[in-house]
Protein backbone atom coordinates (compact mmCIF):
# COMPACT_ATOMS: atom_id res chain seq x y z
CA MET A 1 -16.87 8.70 15.95
CA LYS A 2 -13.64 6.81 15.73
CA PHE A 3 -11.69 5.37 18.61
CA GLY A 4 -8.01 4.40 19.23
CA GLY A 5 -7.20 0.84 20.28
CA ARG A 6 -6.97 1.42 24.07
CA HIS A 7 -10.07 3.57 24.11
CA ARG A 8 -11.98 1.00 21.92
CA LEU A 9 -11.09 -1.70 24.47
CA LEU A 10 -12.19 0.39 27.44
CA LEU A 11 -15.41 1.28 25.83
CA ALA A 12 -16.12 -2.29 24.79
CA ALA A 13 -15.61 -3.45 28.41
CA GLY A 14 -17.99 -0.62 29.72
CA LEU A 15 -20.60 -1.47 27.15
CA ALA A 16 -20.43 -5.16 28.05
CA ALA A 17 -20.82 -4.35 31.75
CA CYS A 18 -23.98 -2.17 30.92
CA LEU A 19 -25.47 -4.68 28.63
CA SER A 20 -25.14 -7.46 31.33
CA SER A 21 -26.50 -5.44 34.17
CA THR A 22 -30.12 -6.59 34.02
CA GLN A 23 -31.75 -10.03 34.25
CA VAL A 24 -28.58 -12.02 34.63
CA GLN A 25 -28.55 -15.76 34.18
CA ALA A 26 -30.74 -17.91 36.38
CA TRP A 27 -28.46 -20.24 38.46
CA ASN A 28 -24.85 -20.05 37.18
CA ALA A 29 -23.39 -22.65 34.89
CA ALA A 30 -22.83 -24.93 37.94
CA GLY A 31 -26.52 -24.91 38.76
CA HIS A 32 -27.62 -25.71 35.25
CA ARG A 33 -25.07 -28.51 34.79
CA LEU A 34 -26.12 -30.03 38.07
CA SER A 35 -29.77 -30.05 37.06
CA ALA A 36 -28.91 -31.60 33.64
CA ALA A 37 -26.56 -34.21 35.25
CA ILE A 38 -29.34 -35.48 37.57
CA ALA A 39 -31.99 -35.30 34.85
CA TRP A 40 -29.84 -37.49 32.54
CA GLU A 41 -29.91 -40.33 35.14
CA HIS A 42 -33.71 -40.18 35.17
CA LEU A 43 -34.29 -40.15 31.39
CA SER A 44 -35.87 -43.17 29.70
CA PRO A 45 -33.73 -45.09 27.16
CA LYS A 46 -35.82 -43.70 24.45
CA ALA A 47 -35.52 -40.08 25.71
CA LYS A 48 -31.78 -40.51 26.09
CA ALA A 49 -31.45 -41.77 22.41
CA LYS A 50 -33.68 -38.89 21.21
CA THR A 51 -31.66 -36.23 23.00
CA THR A 52 -28.33 -37.55 21.82
CA HIS A 53 -29.55 -37.68 18.22
CA LEU A 54 -30.80 -34.13 18.46
CA LEU A 55 -27.91 -32.67 20.20
CA GLN A 56 -25.47 -34.03 17.59
CA GLN A 57 -27.22 -31.65 15.18
CA HIS A 58 -26.83 -28.62 17.36
CA PRO A 59 -24.28 -25.96 15.97
CA ALA A 60 -22.53 -25.95 19.33
CA TYR A 61 -22.03 -29.74 19.53
CA SER A 62 -18.48 -29.84 18.48
CA GLY A 63 -17.60 -27.21 21.18
CA TRP A 64 -19.41 -29.38 23.80
CA LEU A 65 -17.33 -32.26 22.86
CA GLN A 66 -14.05 -30.24 23.53
CA GLN A 67 -15.16 -30.22 27.10
CA THR A 68 -14.87 -34.03 27.44
CA ARG A 69 -11.38 -33.47 28.81
CA HIS A 70 -13.07 -32.26 31.89
CA TYR A 71 -15.28 -35.36 32.19
CA PRO A 72 -12.71 -38.27 32.20
CA ASN A 73 -15.23 -40.81 33.59
CA GLN A 74 -18.36 -39.83 31.67
CA GLU A 75 -19.74 -40.90 28.29
CA THR A 76 -19.89 -38.24 25.49
CA ASP A 77 -23.68 -38.35 25.35
CA PHE A 78 -23.90 -37.29 29.00
CA VAL A 79 -21.21 -34.49 28.42
CA ALA A 80 -23.24 -33.08 25.46
CA PHE A 81 -26.46 -33.06 27.53
CA VAL A 82 -24.88 -31.32 30.54
CA GLU A 83 -22.90 -28.73 28.51
CA ALA A 84 -26.01 -27.97 26.49
CA ALA A 85 -27.63 -26.67 29.62
CA THR A 86 -25.67 -23.55 29.63
CA TRP A 87 -25.82 -22.85 25.91
CA ALA A 88 -28.72 -20.25 26.24
CA ASP A 89 -26.68 -18.11 28.55
CA GLU A 90 -23.62 -18.36 26.36
CA LEU A 91 -25.65 -17.30 23.39
CA ARG A 92 -26.93 -14.19 25.36
CA GLN A 93 -23.39 -13.33 26.32
CA GLU A 94 -22.31 -13.63 22.69
CA ALA A 95 -25.13 -11.35 21.61
CA ARG A 96 -24.07 -8.70 24.25
CA SER A 97 -20.48 -8.82 23.08
CA ALA A 98 -21.54 -8.49 19.42
CA ARG A 99 -23.79 -5.62 20.25
CA ALA A 100 -20.91 -3.84 21.95
CA ARG A 101 -18.69 -4.47 18.96
CA ARG A 102 -21.32 -3.14 16.56
CA ILE A 103 -21.74 0.05 18.71
CA LEU A 104 -18.08 0.55 18.48
CA GLU A 105 -17.92 -0.02 14.80
CA ASP A 106 -21.07 1.86 14.02
CA ASN A 107 -22.40 -1.30 12.36
CA PRO A 108 -26.24 -1.42 12.18
CA THR A 109 -26.40 -5.21 11.56
CA SER A 110 -29.01 -6.88 13.70
CA ASP A 111 -28.40 -8.65 17.08
CA ILE A 112 -27.89 -12.30 17.42
CA ASN A 113 -31.37 -13.72 18.18
CA ALA A 114 -30.60 -14.62 21.78
CA HIS A 115 -34.16 -14.17 23.11
CA PRO A 116 -33.30 -12.44 26.43
CA ASP A 117 -36.85 -12.24 27.41
CA TRP A 118 -37.25 -16.00 27.47
CA HIS A 119 -35.25 -16.42 30.62
CA TYR A 120 -37.63 -14.64 33.07
CA GLU A 121 -41.11 -13.13 33.90
CA ASN A 122 -41.60 -9.98 35.84
CA LEU A 123 -44.64 -10.93 37.84
CA PRO A 124 -45.75 -9.06 40.97
CA LEU A 125 -45.04 -10.73 44.19
CA GLU A 126 -48.66 -10.99 45.08
CA PRO A 127 -51.00 -12.64 42.57
CA GLY A 128 -53.39 -10.08 41.10
CA PRO A 129 -54.01 -7.74 38.13
CA LEU A 130 -50.78 -7.00 36.29
CA SER A 131 -49.69 -3.37 35.80
CA PRO A 132 -47.97 -3.13 32.36
CA GLU A 133 -46.65 0.27 33.22
CA GLY A 134 -44.88 -0.92 36.26
CA LEU A 135 -43.80 -4.35 34.98
CA GLY A 136 -42.15 -3.18 31.76
CA GLU A 137 -41.01 -6.19 29.89
CA ARG A 138 -43.06 -9.09 31.28
CA GLY A 139 -40.95 -11.94 29.94
CA GLN A 140 -41.88 -15.20 28.28
CA LEU A 141 -40.45 -17.86 30.59
CA SER A 142 -43.42 -20.16 31.26
CA ARG A 143 -44.92 -19.65 27.66
CA GLN A 144 -41.66 -20.70 26.12
CA ILE A 145 -41.27 -23.83 28.20
CA GLU A 146 -44.86 -24.83 26.83
CA GLN A 147 -44.14 -23.92 23.26
CA LEU A 148 -40.61 -25.61 23.25
CA SER A 149 -42.24 -28.71 24.64
CA GLU A 150 -44.90 -28.73 21.97
CA GLN A 151 -42.29 -28.18 19.17
CA LEU A 152 -40.18 -31.08 20.42
CA ALA A 153 -43.24 -33.29 20.65
CA ASP A 154 -44.34 -32.34 17.14
CA GLY A 155 -40.99 -33.04 15.54
CA SER A 156 -41.89 -31.52 12.16
CA GLN A 157 -39.07 -28.93 12.21
CA ARG A 158 -35.59 -29.43 11.00
CA GLY A 159 -32.94 -31.19 13.13
CA ARG A 160 -30.99 -28.10 14.02
CA GLU A 161 -34.25 -26.25 14.99
CA GLN A 162 -35.21 -29.15 17.22
CA ALA A 163 -31.78 -29.39 18.71
CA GLU A 164 -31.79 -25.70 19.60
CA ALA A 165 -35.30 -26.03 21.13
CA LEU A 166 -34.01 -28.88 23.29
CA ALA A 167 -31.03 -26.97 24.53
CA TRP A 168 -33.44 -24.08 25.41
CA LEU A 169 -35.90 -26.29 27.25
CA ILE A 170 -33.02 -27.88 29.30
CA HIS A 171 -31.97 -24.36 30.36
CA LEU A 172 -35.47 -22.80 30.91
CA VAL A 173 -36.64 -25.57 33.13
CA GLY A 174 -33.78 -24.69 35.35
CA ASP A 175 -34.53 -20.93 35.10
CA ILE A 176 -38.16 -21.17 36.29
CA HIS A 177 -37.10 -22.86 39.45
CA GLN A 178 -34.95 -19.85 40.46
CA PRO A 179 -37.37 -17.73 42.46
CA LEU A 180 -36.03 -14.47 41.24
CA HIS A 181 -36.65 -15.29 37.61
CA VAL A 182 -40.52 -15.05 37.92
CA VAL A 183 -41.00 -11.91 39.94
CA SER A 184 -40.18 -8.19 40.28
CA ARG A 185 -40.66 -6.52 43.53
CA MET A 186 -42.74 -3.24 42.92
CA THR A 187 -42.39 -0.03 44.72
CA PRO A 188 -45.72 1.91 45.60
CA GLU A 189 -44.90 4.01 42.49
CA GLY A 190 -45.00 0.83 40.36
CA ILE A 191 -41.26 0.61 39.66
CA GLY A 192 -39.85 -2.92 39.60
CA ASP A 193 -36.37 -4.20 40.77
CA ALA A 194 -35.84 -6.57 37.71
CA GLY A 195 -35.93 -9.67 39.89
CA GLY A 196 -33.64 -8.37 42.47
CA ASN A 197 -30.96 -7.13 40.04
CA LEU A 198 -31.56 -3.60 41.32
CA LEU A 199 -31.44 -4.58 45.02
CA ALA A 200 -27.87 -4.28 46.40
CA VAL A 201 -26.87 -6.76 49.17
CA ILE A 202 -23.80 -7.39 51.40
CA GLU A 203 -22.44 -10.58 52.92
CA PRO A 204 -20.98 -9.90 56.35
CA GLU A 205 -18.17 -12.41 55.94
CA ARG A 206 -17.00 -10.43 52.90
CA PRO A 207 -17.19 -6.77 54.21
CA ARG A 208 -14.71 -5.36 51.73
CA ARG A 209 -16.44 -6.81 48.83
CA THR A 210 -18.30 -4.53 46.49
CA PRO A 211 -22.06 -4.96 47.12
CA SER A 212 -23.65 -7.51 44.82
CA ASN A 213 -27.28 -7.70 44.06
CA LEU A 214 -29.93 -10.16 45.36
CA HIS A 215 -30.46 -11.73 41.95
CA ALA A 216 -26.68 -12.48 41.39
CA TYR A 217 -26.53 -13.82 45.01
CA TRP A 218 -29.17 -16.38 44.24
CA ASP A 219 -27.70 -17.28 40.83
CA ASN A 220 -24.43 -18.14 42.42
CA LEU A 221 -25.65 -20.36 45.27
CA PRO A 222 -24.88 -23.57 43.39
CA GLY A 223 -21.20 -22.83 43.55
CA THR A 224 -18.31 -22.17 41.15
CA SER A 225 -19.27 -21.91 37.52
CA THR A 226 -16.35 -24.14 36.63
CA LEU A 227 -17.94 -27.18 38.25
CA ARG A 228 -17.54 -30.22 35.84
CA GLY A 229 -16.36 -33.81 35.76
CA ASP A 230 -16.10 -35.91 38.94
CA ALA A 231 -16.77 -33.04 41.22
CA LEU A 232 -20.02 -32.38 39.29
CA ALA A 233 -20.97 -36.00 39.53
CA SER A 234 -20.23 -36.00 43.27
CA GLN A 235 -22.40 -33.09 43.90
CA ALA A 236 -25.17 -34.44 41.72
CA GLN A 237 -25.20 -37.66 43.77
CA ALA A 238 -25.22 -35.67 46.97
CA LEU A 239 -28.22 -33.69 45.84
CA GLN A 240 -30.04 -36.88 44.96
CA ARG A 241 -29.45 -38.38 48.45
CA GLU A 242 -30.51 -35.14 50.18
CA PHE A 243 -33.64 -34.70 47.91
CA PRO A 244 -34.65 -38.16 46.42
CA ASP A 245 -37.13 -38.28 43.61
CA LYS A 246 -40.29 -39.40 45.41
CA ARG A 247 -42.37 -39.50 42.13
CA LYS A 248 -44.69 -36.77 43.32
CA ALA A 249 -47.08 -35.26 40.74
CA MET A 250 -45.03 -33.34 38.31
CA GLY A 251 -47.41 -30.52 38.04
CA ASP A 252 -47.06 -28.13 35.03
CA VAL A 253 -45.10 -24.99 34.23
CA HIS A 254 -47.77 -22.78 36.00
CA LEU A 255 -47.27 -24.72 39.23
CA TRP A 256 -43.46 -24.38 38.92
CA ARG A 257 -43.81 -20.63 38.40
CA GLU A 258 -46.16 -20.14 41.37
CA GLU A 259 -43.85 -22.22 43.67
CA SER A 260 -41.03 -19.78 42.69
CA ARG A 261 -43.20 -16.82 43.29
CA SER A 262 -44.30 -18.07 46.74
CA LEU A 263 -40.69 -18.50 47.69
CA ALA A 264 -39.80 -15.02 46.49
CA ARG A 265 -42.57 -13.62 48.58
CA ASP A 266 -42.32 -15.62 51.67
CA PHE A 267 -38.49 -15.85 51.96
CA VAL A 268 -36.28 -14.38 49.24
CA TYR A 269 -37.60 -10.76 49.72
CA ALA A 270 -38.39 -11.20 53.45
CA LEU A 271 -35.59 -8.98 54.56
CA SER A 272 -35.95 -6.77 57.47
CA ASP A 273 -33.91 -3.89 56.04
CA ILE A 274 -35.03 -4.17 52.41
CA ALA A 275 -36.12 -0.52 52.29
CA THR A 276 -32.63 0.64 52.99
CA PRO A 277 -30.15 -1.11 50.72
CA PRO A 278 -27.56 -2.49 50.61
CA VAL A 279 -29.31 -5.21 52.48
CA VAL A 280 -27.22 -7.34 54.83
CA LEU A 281 -27.70 -11.11 54.28
CA ASP A 282 -27.20 -12.71 57.74
CA GLU A 283 -26.12 -16.25 58.54
CA HIS A 284 -29.64 -17.54 58.97
CA TYR A 285 -30.75 -16.16 55.54
CA ARG A 286 -27.75 -17.58 53.77
CA GLY A 287 -28.22 -21.07 55.36
CA GLU A 288 -31.92 -21.10 54.31
CA ALA A 289 -31.16 -19.87 50.86
CA GLN A 290 -28.66 -22.45 50.23
CA ALA A 291 -31.18 -25.22 51.38
CA ILE A 292 -33.89 -23.72 49.06
CA ALA A 293 -31.57 -23.55 46.10
CA ARG A 294 -30.50 -27.15 46.54
CA ARG A 295 -34.12 -28.33 46.71
CA ARG A 296 -35.15 -26.24 43.64
CA LEU A 297 -32.18 -27.65 41.68
CA SER A 298 -33.32 -31.07 42.47
CA GLN A 299 -36.93 -30.40 41.56
CA ALA A 300 -35.83 -28.97 38.27
CA SER A 301 -33.82 -32.03 37.47
CA TYR A 302 -36.55 -34.57 38.08
CA ARG A 303 -39.19 -32.45 36.40
CA LEU A 304 -36.97 -31.91 33.25
CA ALA A 305 -36.47 -35.68 33.03
CA ARG A 306 -40.14 -36.49 33.35
CA LEU A 307 -40.95 -33.76 30.82
CA LEU A 308 -38.64 -35.07 28.20
CA ASN A 309 -39.68 -38.69 28.93
CA HIS A 310 -43.37 -37.50 28.32
CA VAL A 311 -42.53 -35.54 25.14
CA TRP A 312 -41.11 -38.60 23.48
CA GLY A 313 -43.22 -41.22 25.07
CA LYS A 314 -42.05 -43.28 27.97
């Protein structure tokens, strides 16, 4: 079927909306940049040199350098590391747009390999036997963090492959600390809500706003996605003052995942009117959610730094 110009644009927009309706990004760009900015300060000199060398071989490196205008007081190596933190989400958005274009053009070429199932796991809120029928796509988040870490430590692959593995790892360590990227709330019939993507919520101070969903609400807690430069540095410093690195045991990816699952069970989904959406997020909930998000971003930062320091030897 052929479409005219205006109809083609409208259909493309509709397709893009549909393709982005499930499993949206964990933390928005501000959250991922904040975690990376803090992690950079805690990298060993050897890890900084290694990350800088690898990211220079990444296909998106030149694009990251174009963002230096937003970072007038930061060095280029820092900018590349921080901007690399959002590359995985940008890749996924590019894949969605390409897919929409191919549908319009009736082009059967394969999708960009954006690995959408690397960003999440659909675990039940309560630990126990998994139900494949109810969970659907389980996701590979914790598995990929382990495999990417091993790949970087091995170092036998080409520079570009290692650079992409590093950008993925920076991003996914942030993802696993967002509680709604490891769980799916199940109905008695075994139907999941895709990590809160299917649970509509309302914020009382924005009564005229179209209801969002619980997942998107948590993703956007770090603030505006345009956060960069001095404002980013200021917020990163504030987070470190609020949640200093006390050098506690780092744990492993399974601990990080279980922490997120516990938070999802004990707080994120602990909503009195959850059975009758849209759910109203009251002032108490919003305040607690903000505090949890800030703590998880800080934990992700310190753990990412220690992970990379370990991968390349302290």
